[in-house]
Each structure stands twice: as C-alpha cells, then as structure tokens.
Amino acid sequence: MTENWKEALASELRKPLPGVEAQLRMSPSVKRPVSAEYPLKNAGVLILLYPFMGRIYTIFIKRTEYEGVHSGQVSLPGGMFEEDDGSIVNTALREANEETGIDRLAVTIIGKLTPLHIPVSNVNVHAFVGVVENRPEFHHDPAEVQYLIEESLDELLNEVHHKTKAMTLFGNEVIVPYFDIQDNHIWGATAMIISEFAEVARRMTRDEGRGTSS
C-alpha cells in the first residue's frame, strides 16, 4: 500500500459500504432465530491498523475458555456497551485497551463498518476502524485473552486463507466459512465483519491501481 494508505482507506469508508452482502460471504449456512429471552444490546469492536515491517497489520484476540457462546473464539478487540462509555466507539476503545493494552488516546478512528446483528445473543456489533502511527506495545489481559494474533492485511486479503469446514451448530451439520490465520480459525461474526472490511480494502487497492486521488 502507498504512504497515504490511511487517507485512502478513510476515503473508502466514507463511500457507500459493501454492507450485508459482503458480510454474508462468511456467514454459516444456518441461522438461529432471535431469542426472546435476550434484550437487544450493542457492542463495539475495533479493527486496529498499524504499520509494521513495511506492511499494514491488524490484531485479533484469542478469548479464554468460559461459560458463554464466544468461549475460546478468535475475535476483534471489543465488548459490550456500558453506560459509562458514553458512546459505542468509546466502548470499542475501552475494551481494546483492556484486552490488548493499547493506548486508546493514540488511536485515530477513520470510519466504521455496517452494524452486524448476532441473533444468538441479540447483539448489534458496531465495528470501528482505527489507526496508530506505529506498532503498539501490546500487553494482553490473561483473564480475558489467551494470546494475541497479529496479521498483515496482505494475508487477510489472500484468498488462500479463506476456507470452509463442517461444524455442528444448533444441532445441525453446517458448512462454515472461516479465515485460517496462523492456524487460528476466525469464523462467525468476526469473519463476517472482516469480510466487509476486506472488500473495502480491496476497493481501496483497486482505486490506487487506477490512480484515483484520495
């Protein structure tokens, strides 16, 4: 990517987003109805981008094992909205700080993606794209995070890492698309969010190739 990748990406995020169509490319082939027992809630997650070794990187977290539907999964940093946050973007920044140790004040938010609804927990997930000038000093919270996974955008966009597997979900055998990143399987809501973001990044790359000004 060019030196002005931040400006180019911010420009793409201001355009109409790929939306649900791009998200559904990484959606499991079975849907679960919204459960009436869960009130609708909001969550914020952060796609953090930073230059490292001549490429642009992002980071994921491998969650610890616990009693919950997202136990042990690979996710973007983020969590549930709390009233003290004041806004959902503050939720994403707070949770990213707690889970990865980044300095939230060093992050510049350049845009957001299409909100994604997760029926199993009745949560709307709002994904924000943030950038920092240099690779952060990461210090993950072992109570919530087993380990961190750093990966370049080049690898995320490489379709060799886009795979499928058979899984049992809600009592059904289904085919689940996922990103195979460093032997970690990124699927479900996180994969759907990354699918939309990847389309924005590809669109930016195509524009740069055509010499489109940002």
C-alpha atoms as a PDB file:
ATOM      1  CA  MET A   1       0.000   0.000   0.000  1.00  0.00           C
ATOM      2  CA  THR A   2       1.077   3.577  -0.590  1.00  0.00           C
ATOM      3  CA  GLU A   3       2.276   6.001   2.074  1.00  0.00           C
ATOM      4  CA  ASN A   4      -1.135   7.706   2.135  1.00  0.00           C
ATOM      5  CA  TRP A   5      -2.981   4.461   2.905  1.00  0.00           C
ATOM      6  CA  LYS A   6      -4.712   5.998   5.927  1.00  0.00           C
ATOM      7  CA  GLU A   7      -6.221   8.805   3.877  1.00  0.00           C
ATOM      8  CA  ALA A   8      -7.155   6.400   1.078  1.00  0.00           C
ATOM      9  CA  LEU A   9      -8.839   3.985   3.482  1.00  0.00           C
ATOM     10  CA  ALA A  10     -10.685   6.776   5.280  1.00  0.00           C
ATOM     11  CA  SER A  11     -11.944   7.943   1.897  1.00  0.00           C
ATOM     12  CA  GLU A  12     -13.247   4.467   1.045  1.00  0.00           C
ATOM     13  CA  LEU A  13     -15.012   4.214   4.409  1.00  0.00           C
ATOM     14  CA  ARG A  14     -16.885   7.430   3.661  1.00  0.00           C
ATOM     15  CA  LYS A  15     -18.318   5.912   0.483  1.00  0.00           C
ATOM     16  CA  PRO A  16     -21.325   3.533   0.484  1.00  0.00           C
ATOM     17  CA  LEU A  17     -20.195   0.390   2.278  1.00  0.00           C
ATOM     18  CA  PRO A  18     -20.277  -3.154   0.854  1.00  0.00           C
ATOM     19  CA  GLY A  19     -22.771  -3.939   3.636  1.00  0.00           C
ATOM     20  CA  VAL A  20     -24.679  -7.113   4.353  1.00  0.00           C
ATOM     21  CA  GLU A  21     -23.837  -8.724   1.021  1.00  0.00           C
ATOM     22  CA  ALA A  22     -20.131  -8.736   1.901  1.00  0.00           C
ATOM     23  CA  GLN A  23     -20.827  -9.899   5.466  1.00  0.00           C
ATOM     24  CA  LEU A  24     -22.895 -12.862   4.277  1.00  0.00           C
ATOM     25  CA  ARG A  25     -19.996 -14.269   2.270  1.00  0.00           C
ATOM     26  CA  MET A  26     -18.546 -15.503   5.562  1.00  0.00           C
ATOM     27  CA  SER A  27     -21.821 -16.429   7.235  1.00  0.00           C
ATOM     28  CA  PRO A  28     -22.515 -20.015   8.376  1.00  0.00           C
ATOM     29  CA  SER A  29     -25.187 -21.799   6.338  1.00  0.00           C
ATOM     30  CA  VAL A  30     -27.619 -21.988   9.266  1.00  0.00           C
ATOM     31  CA  LYS A  31     -29.395 -19.183  11.106  1.00  0.00           C
ATOM     32  CA  ARG A  32     -30.726 -19.171  14.635  1.00  0.00           C
ATOM     33  CA  PRO A  33     -33.851 -17.095  15.398  1.00  0.00           C
ATOM     34  CA  VAL A  34     -33.506 -14.166  17.767  1.00  0.00           C
ATOM     35  CA  SER A  35     -34.122 -15.376  21.308  1.00  0.00           C
ATOM     36  CA  ALA A  36     -36.874 -13.510  23.127  1.00  0.00           C
ATOM     37  CA  GLU A  37     -35.031 -14.040  26.413  1.00  0.00           C
ATOM     38  CA  TYR A  38     -32.279 -11.600  25.433  1.00  0.00           C
ATOM     39  CA  PRO A  39     -32.979  -7.865  25.096  1.00  0.00           C
ATOM     40  CA  LEU A  40     -31.287  -6.117  22.194  1.00  0.00           C
ATOM     41  CA  LYS A  41     -27.840  -4.851  23.192  1.00  0.00           C
ATOM     42  CA  ASN A  42     -24.947  -3.102  21.484  1.00  0.00           C
ATOM     43  CA  ALA A  43     -21.282  -3.971  21.320  1.00  0.00           C
ATOM     44  CA  GLY A  44     -18.284  -2.152  19.885  1.00  0.00           C
ATOM     45  CA  VAL A  45     -15.196  -3.734  18.318  1.00  0.00           C
ATOM     46  CA  LEU A  46     -12.015  -2.218  16.933  1.00  0.00           C
ATOM     47  CA  ILE A  47     -10.164  -3.047  13.738  1.00  0.00           C
ATOM     48  CA  LEU A  48      -6.803  -1.570  14.696  1.00  0.00           C
ATOM     49  CA  LEU A  49      -4.354  -0.890  11.861  1.00  0.00           C
ATOM     50  CA  TYR A  50      -0.677  -0.050  12.177  1.00  0.00           C
ATOM     51  CA  PRO A  51       2.467  -0.111  10.013  1.00  0.00           C
ATOM     52  CA  PHE A  52       4.982  -2.844  10.838  1.00  0.00           C
ATOM     53  CA  MET A  53       7.914  -4.200   8.836  1.00  0.00           C
ATOM     54  CA  GLY A  54       6.814  -2.408   5.686  1.00  0.00           C
ATOM     55  CA  ARG A  55       3.235  -3.699   5.755  1.00  0.00           C
ATOM     56  CA  ILE A  56      -0.065  -2.814   7.413  1.00  0.00           C
ATOM     57  CA  TYR A  57      -1.098  -5.072  10.283  1.00  0.00           C
ATOM     58  CA  THR A  58      -4.131  -5.655  12.451  1.00  0.00           C
ATOM     59  CA  ILE A  59      -4.680  -7.649  15.632  1.00  0.00           C
ATOM     60  CA  PHE A  60      -7.097 -10.281  16.917  1.00  0.00           C
ATOM     61  CA  ILE A  61      -7.561 -11.799  20.359  1.00  0.00           C
ATOM     62  CA  LYS A  62      -7.944 -15.452  21.270  1.00  0.00           C
ATOM     63  CA  ARG A  63     -10.506 -15.448  24.067  1.00  0.00           C
ATOM     64  CA  THR A  64     -10.148 -17.562  27.178  1.00  0.00           C
ATOM     65  CA  GLU A  65     -12.446 -20.521  27.837  1.00  0.00           C
ATOM     66  CA  TYR A  66     -15.560 -19.596  29.807  1.00  0.00           C
ATOM     67  CA  GLU A  67     -19.269 -20.373  30.081  1.00  0.00           C
ATOM     68  CA  GLY A  68     -20.543 -18.473  27.076  1.00  0.00           C
ATOM     69  CA  VAL A  69     -21.259 -18.678  23.364  1.00  0.00           C
ATOM     70  CA  HIS A  70     -17.993 -16.954  22.387  1.00  0.00           C
ATOM     71  CA  SER A  71     -15.726 -19.027  24.642  1.00  0.00           C
ATOM     72  CA  GLY A  72     -12.303 -19.672  23.130  1.00  0.00           C
ATOM     73  CA  GLN A  73     -13.096 -17.918  19.863  1.00  0.00           C
ATOM     74  CA  VAL A  74     -10.835 -15.601  17.920  1.00  0.00           C
ATOM     75  CA  SER A  75     -12.325 -12.107  17.913  1.00  0.00           C
ATOM     76  CA  LEU A  76     -11.577  -8.478  17.301  1.00  0.00           C
ATOM     77  CA  PRO A  77     -10.868  -6.485  20.472  1.00  0.00           C
ATOM     78  CA  GLY A  78     -14.154  -5.209  21.859  1.00  0.00           C
ATOM     79  CA  GLY A  79     -17.121  -5.883  24.076  1.00  0.00           C
ATOM     80  CA  MET A  80     -20.490  -4.809  25.359  1.00  0.00           C
ATOM     81  CA  PHE A  81     -21.574  -1.194  25.687  1.00  0.00           C
ATOM     82  CA  GLU A  82     -21.649   0.205  29.229  1.00  0.00           C
ATOM     83  CA  GLU A  83     -23.430   3.407  30.230  1.00  0.00           C
ATOM     84  CA  ASP A  84     -20.200   4.966  31.484  1.00  0.00           C
ATOM     85  CA  ASP A  85     -18.745   4.664  27.964  1.00  0.00           C
ATOM     86  CA  GLY A  86     -20.989   7.434  26.681  1.00  0.00           C
ATOM     87  CA  SER A  87     -20.763   6.142  23.108  1.00  0.00           C
ATOM     88  CA  ILE A  88     -20.275   2.857  21.332  1.00  0.00           C
ATOM     89  CA  VAL A  89     -16.941   3.973  19.847  1.00  0.00           C
ATOM     90  CA  ASN A  90     -15.704   4.563  23.388  1.00  0.00           C
ATOM     91  CA  THR A  91     -16.764   1.011  24.174  1.00  0.00           C
ATOM     92  CA  ALA A  92     -14.543  -0.319  21.392  1.00  0.00           C
ATOM     93  CA  LEU A  93     -11.591   1.775  22.553  1.00  0.00           C
ATOM     94  CA  ARG A  94     -12.043   0.895  26.227  1.00  0.00           C
ATOM     95  CA  GLU A  95     -12.289  -2.807  25.558  1.00  0.00           C
ATOM     96  CA  ALA A  96      -9.314  -2.727  23.178  1.00  0.00           C
ATOM     97  CA  ASN A  97      -7.268  -1.042  25.890  1.00  0.00           C
ATOM     98  CA  GLU A  98      -8.341  -3.597  28.497  1.00  0.00           C
ATOM     99  CA  GLU A  99      -7.757  -6.607  26.253  1.00  0.00           C
ATOM    100  CA  THR A 100      -4.582  -5.639  24.379  1.00  0.00           C
ATOM    101  CA  GLY A 101      -3.020  -2.841  26.447  1.00  0.00           C
ATOM    102  CA  ILE A 102      -3.017  -0.276  23.638  1.00  0.00           C
ATOM    103  CA  ASP A 103      -3.110   3.435  24.434  1.00  0.00           C
ATOM    104  CA  ARG A 104      -6.631   4.415  23.416  1.00  0.00           C
ATOM    105  CA  LEU A 105      -5.598   8.075  23.117  1.00  0.00           C
ATOM    106  CA  ALA A 106      -3.135   7.135  20.367  1.00  0.00           C
ATOM    107  CA  VAL A 107      -5.890   5.673  18.159  1.00  0.00           C
ATOM    108  CA  THR A 108      -7.470   7.764  15.409  1.00  0.00           C
ATOM    109  CA  ILE A 109     -10.861   6.455  14.286  1.00  0.00           C
ATOM    110  CA  ILE A 110     -11.139   6.844  10.493  1.00  0.00           C
ATOM    111  CA  GLY A 111     -14.510   5.183   9.919  1.00  0.00           C
ATOM    112  CA  LYS A 112     -16.885   2.372  10.746  1.00  0.00           C
ATOM    113  CA  LEU A 113     -18.487  -0.601   9.019  1.00  0.00           C
ATOM    114  CA  THR A 114     -22.079  -1.762   8.670  1.00  0.00           C
ATOM    115  CA  PRO A 115     -23.551  -2.840  12.053  1.00  0.00           C
ATOM    116  CA  LEU A 116     -23.877  -6.624  12.303  1.00  0.00           C
ATOM    117  CA  HIS A 117     -26.696  -8.314  14.212  1.00  0.00           C
ATOM    118  CA  ILE A 118     -25.904 -11.557  16.055  1.00  0.00           C
ATOM    119  CA  PRO A 119     -29.180 -13.446  16.582  1.00  0.00           C
ATOM    120  CA  VAL A 120     -27.858 -15.994  19.109  1.00  0.00           C
ATOM    121  CA  SER A 121     -27.168 -13.214  21.643  1.00  0.00           C
ATOM    122  CA  ASN A 122     -29.400 -10.494  20.121  1.00  0.00           C
ATOM    123  CA  VAL A 123     -26.474  -8.066  19.894  1.00  0.00           C
ATOM    124  CA  ASN A 124     -25.734  -5.386  17.320  1.00  0.00           C
ATOM    125  CA  VAL A 125     -21.974  -5.213  16.766  1.00  0.00           C
ATOM    126  CA  HIS A 126     -20.533  -1.890  15.626  1.00  0.00           C
ATOM    127  CA  ALA A 127     -17.060  -2.213  14.101  1.00  0.00           C
ATOM    128  CA  PHE A 128     -14.789   0.840  14.041  1.00  0.00           C
ATOM    129  CA  VAL A 129     -11.577   1.207  12.055  1.00  0.00           C
ATOM    130  CA  GLY A 130      -8.757   2.885  13.941  1.00  0.00           C
ATOM    131  CA  VAL A 131      -5.137   3.623  13.091  1.00  0.00           C
ATOM    132  CA  VAL A 132      -1.980   4.318  15.067  1.00  0.00           C
ATOM    133  CA  GLU A 133       1.302   5.696  13.771  1.00  0.00           C
ATOM    134  CA  ASN A 134       3.486   2.803  14.955  1.00  0.00           C
ATOM    135  CA  ARG A 135       3.109  -0.758  16.191  1.00  0.00           C
ATOM    136  CA  PRO A 136       1.768  -0.525  19.774  1.00  0.00           C
ATOM    137  CA  GLU A 137       3.316  -2.158  22.812  1.00  0.00           C
ATOM    138  CA  PHE A 138       0.789  -4.909  23.440  1.00  0.00           C
ATOM    139  CA  HIS A 139       0.072  -6.279  26.922  1.00  0.00           C
ATOM    140  CA  HIS A 140      -2.945  -8.575  26.865  1.00  0.00           C
ATOM    141  CA  ASP A 141      -5.172  -9.288  29.849  1.00  0.00           C
ATOM    142  CA  PRO A 142      -4.709 -13.020  30.661  1.00  0.00           C
ATOM    143  CA  ALA A 143      -8.067 -13.078  32.453  1.00  0.00           C
ATOM    144  CA  GLU A 144      -9.852 -12.418  29.150  1.00  0.00           C
ATOM    145  CA  VAL A 145      -7.311 -13.206  26.449  1.00  0.00           C
ATOM    146  CA  GLN A 146      -5.218 -16.325  25.893  1.00  0.00           C
ATOM    147  CA  TYR A 147      -2.989 -14.650  23.320  1.00  0.00           C
ATOM    148  CA  LEU A 148      -2.887 -12.020  20.590  1.00  0.00           C
ATOM    149  CA  ILE A 149      -2.674 -12.673  16.859  1.00  0.00           C
ATOM    150  CA  GLU A 150      -1.010 -10.086  14.645  1.00  0.00           C
ATOM    151  CA  GLU A 151      -1.611 -10.437  10.922  1.00  0.00           C
ATOM    152  CA  SER A 152      -0.962  -8.310   7.852  1.00  0.00           C
ATOM    153  CA  LEU A 153      -3.718  -7.061   5.601  1.00  0.00           C
ATOM    154  CA  ASP A 154      -1.941  -8.757   2.707  1.00  0.00           C
ATOM    155  CA  GLU A 155      -2.547 -12.131   4.338  1.00  0.00           C
ATOM    156  CA  LEU A 156      -6.137 -11.329   5.292  1.00  0.00           C
ATOM    157  CA  LEU A 157      -6.873 -10.425   1.680  1.00  0.00           C
ATOM    158  CA  ASN A 158      -5.145 -13.534   0.328  1.00  0.00           C
ATOM    159  CA  GLU A 159      -7.922 -15.935  -0.627  1.00  0.00           C
ATOM    160  CA  VAL A 160      -5.711 -18.947   0.113  1.00  0.00           C
ATOM    161  CA  HIS A 161      -6.653 -18.332   3.767  1.00  0.00           C
ATOM    162  CA  HIS A 162     -10.412 -18.325   3.075  1.00  0.00           C
ATOM    163  CA  LYS A 163     -11.647 -21.845   3.791  1.00  0.00           C
ATOM    164  CA  THR A 164     -14.708 -23.840   4.890  1.00  0.00           C
ATOM    165  CA  LYS A 165     -15.283 -26.616   7.402  1.00  0.00           C
ATOM    166  CA  ALA A 166     -18.158 -28.762   8.629  1.00  0.00           C
ATOM    167  CA  MET A 167     -19.430 -27.951  12.117  1.00  0.00           C
ATOM    168  CA  THR A 168     -22.409 -28.798  14.288  1.00  0.00           C
ATOM    169  CA  LEU A 169     -24.319 -25.617  15.124  1.00  0.00           C
ATOM    170  CA  PHE A 170     -27.618 -25.607  16.978  1.00  0.00           C
ATOM    171  CA  GLY A 171     -27.949 -29.331  16.324  1.00  0.00           C
ATOM    172  CA  ASN A 172     -27.358 -29.057  12.570  1.00  0.00           C
ATOM    173  CA  GLU A 173     -24.401 -30.117  10.448  1.00  0.00           C
ATOM    174  CA  VAL A 174     -23.454 -26.992   8.506  1.00  0.00           C
ATOM    175  CA  ILE A 175     -20.673 -25.659   6.322  1.00  0.00           C
ATOM    176  CA  VAL A 176     -18.902 -22.738   7.961  1.00  0.00           C
ATOM    177  CA  PRO A 177     -16.590 -20.352   6.063  1.00  0.00           C
ATOM    178  CA  TYR A 178     -13.587 -19.103   8.013  1.00  0.00           C
ATOM    179  CA  PHE A 179     -10.254 -17.334   7.771  1.00  0.00           C
ATOM    180  CA  ASP A 180      -7.313 -19.624   8.550  1.00  0.00           C
ATOM    181  CA  ILE A 181      -4.814 -17.259  10.148  1.00  0.00           C
ATOM    182  CA  GLN A 182      -1.682 -18.765  11.686  1.00  0.00           C
ATOM    183  CA  ASP A 183      -3.625 -21.980  12.407  1.00  0.00           C
ATOM    184  CA  ASN A 184      -6.382 -19.984  14.114  1.00  0.00           C
ATOM    185  CA  HIS A 185      -9.903 -20.226  12.704  1.00  0.00           C
ATOM    186  CA  ILE A 186     -11.737 -16.900  12.519  1.00  0.00           C
ATOM    187  CA  TRP A 187     -15.410 -17.521  11.861  1.00  0.00           C
ATOM    188  CA  GLY A 188     -18.869 -16.295  12.785  1.00  0.00           C
ATOM    189  CA  ALA A 189     -19.468 -12.611  13.449  1.00  0.00           C
ATOM    190  CA  THR A 190     -15.770 -11.704  13.381  1.00  0.00           C
ATOM    191  CA  ALA A 191     -15.289 -13.312   9.972  1.00  0.00           C
ATOM    192  CA  MET A 192     -18.377 -11.509   8.655  1.00  0.00           C
ATOM    193  CA  ILE A 193     -17.037  -8.157   9.859  1.00  0.00           C
ATOM    194  CA  ILE A 194     -13.615  -8.836   8.352  1.00  0.00           C
ATOM    195  CA  SER A 195     -15.272  -9.894   5.093  1.00  0.00           C
ATOM    196  CA  GLU A 196     -16.808  -6.449   4.704  1.00  0.00           C
ATOM    197  CA  PHE A 197     -13.603  -4.706   5.755  1.00  0.00           C
ATOM    198  CA  ALA A 198     -11.594  -6.786   3.290  1.00  0.00           C
ATOM    199  CA  GLU A 199     -13.862  -5.649   0.458  1.00  0.00           C
ATOM    200  CA  VAL A 200     -13.272  -2.003   1.459  1.00  0.00           C
ATOM    201  CA  ALA A 201      -9.502  -2.645   1.496  1.00  0.00           C
ATOM    202  CA  ARG A 202      -9.651  -4.322  -1.931  1.00  0.00           C
ATOM    203  CA  ARG A 203     -11.671  -1.411  -3.270  1.00  0.00           C
ATOM    204  CA  MET A 204      -9.004   0.972  -1.984  1.00  0.00           C
ATOM    205  CA  THR A 205      -6.277  -1.082  -3.649  1.00  0.00           C
ATOM    206  CA  ARG A 206      -8.149  -1.058  -6.951  1.00  0.00           C
ATOM    207  CA  ASP A 207      -8.587   2.719  -6.736  1.00  0.00           C
ATOM    208  CA  GLU A 208      -4.876   3.166  -6.029  1.00  0.00           C
ATOM    209  CA  GLY A 209      -4.073   0.991  -9.035  1.00  0.00           C
ATOM    210  CA  ARG A 210      -6.204   3.235 -11.237  1.00  0.00           C
ATOM    211  CA  GLY A 211      -4.527   6.312  -9.826  1.00  0.00           C
ATOM    212  CA  THR A 212      -7.696   7.550  -8.119  1.00  0.00           C
ATOM    213  CA  SER A 213      -6.992  10.515  -5.861  1.00  0.00           C
ATOM    214  CA  SER A 214      -7.875  10.203  -2.166  1.00  0.00           C
END
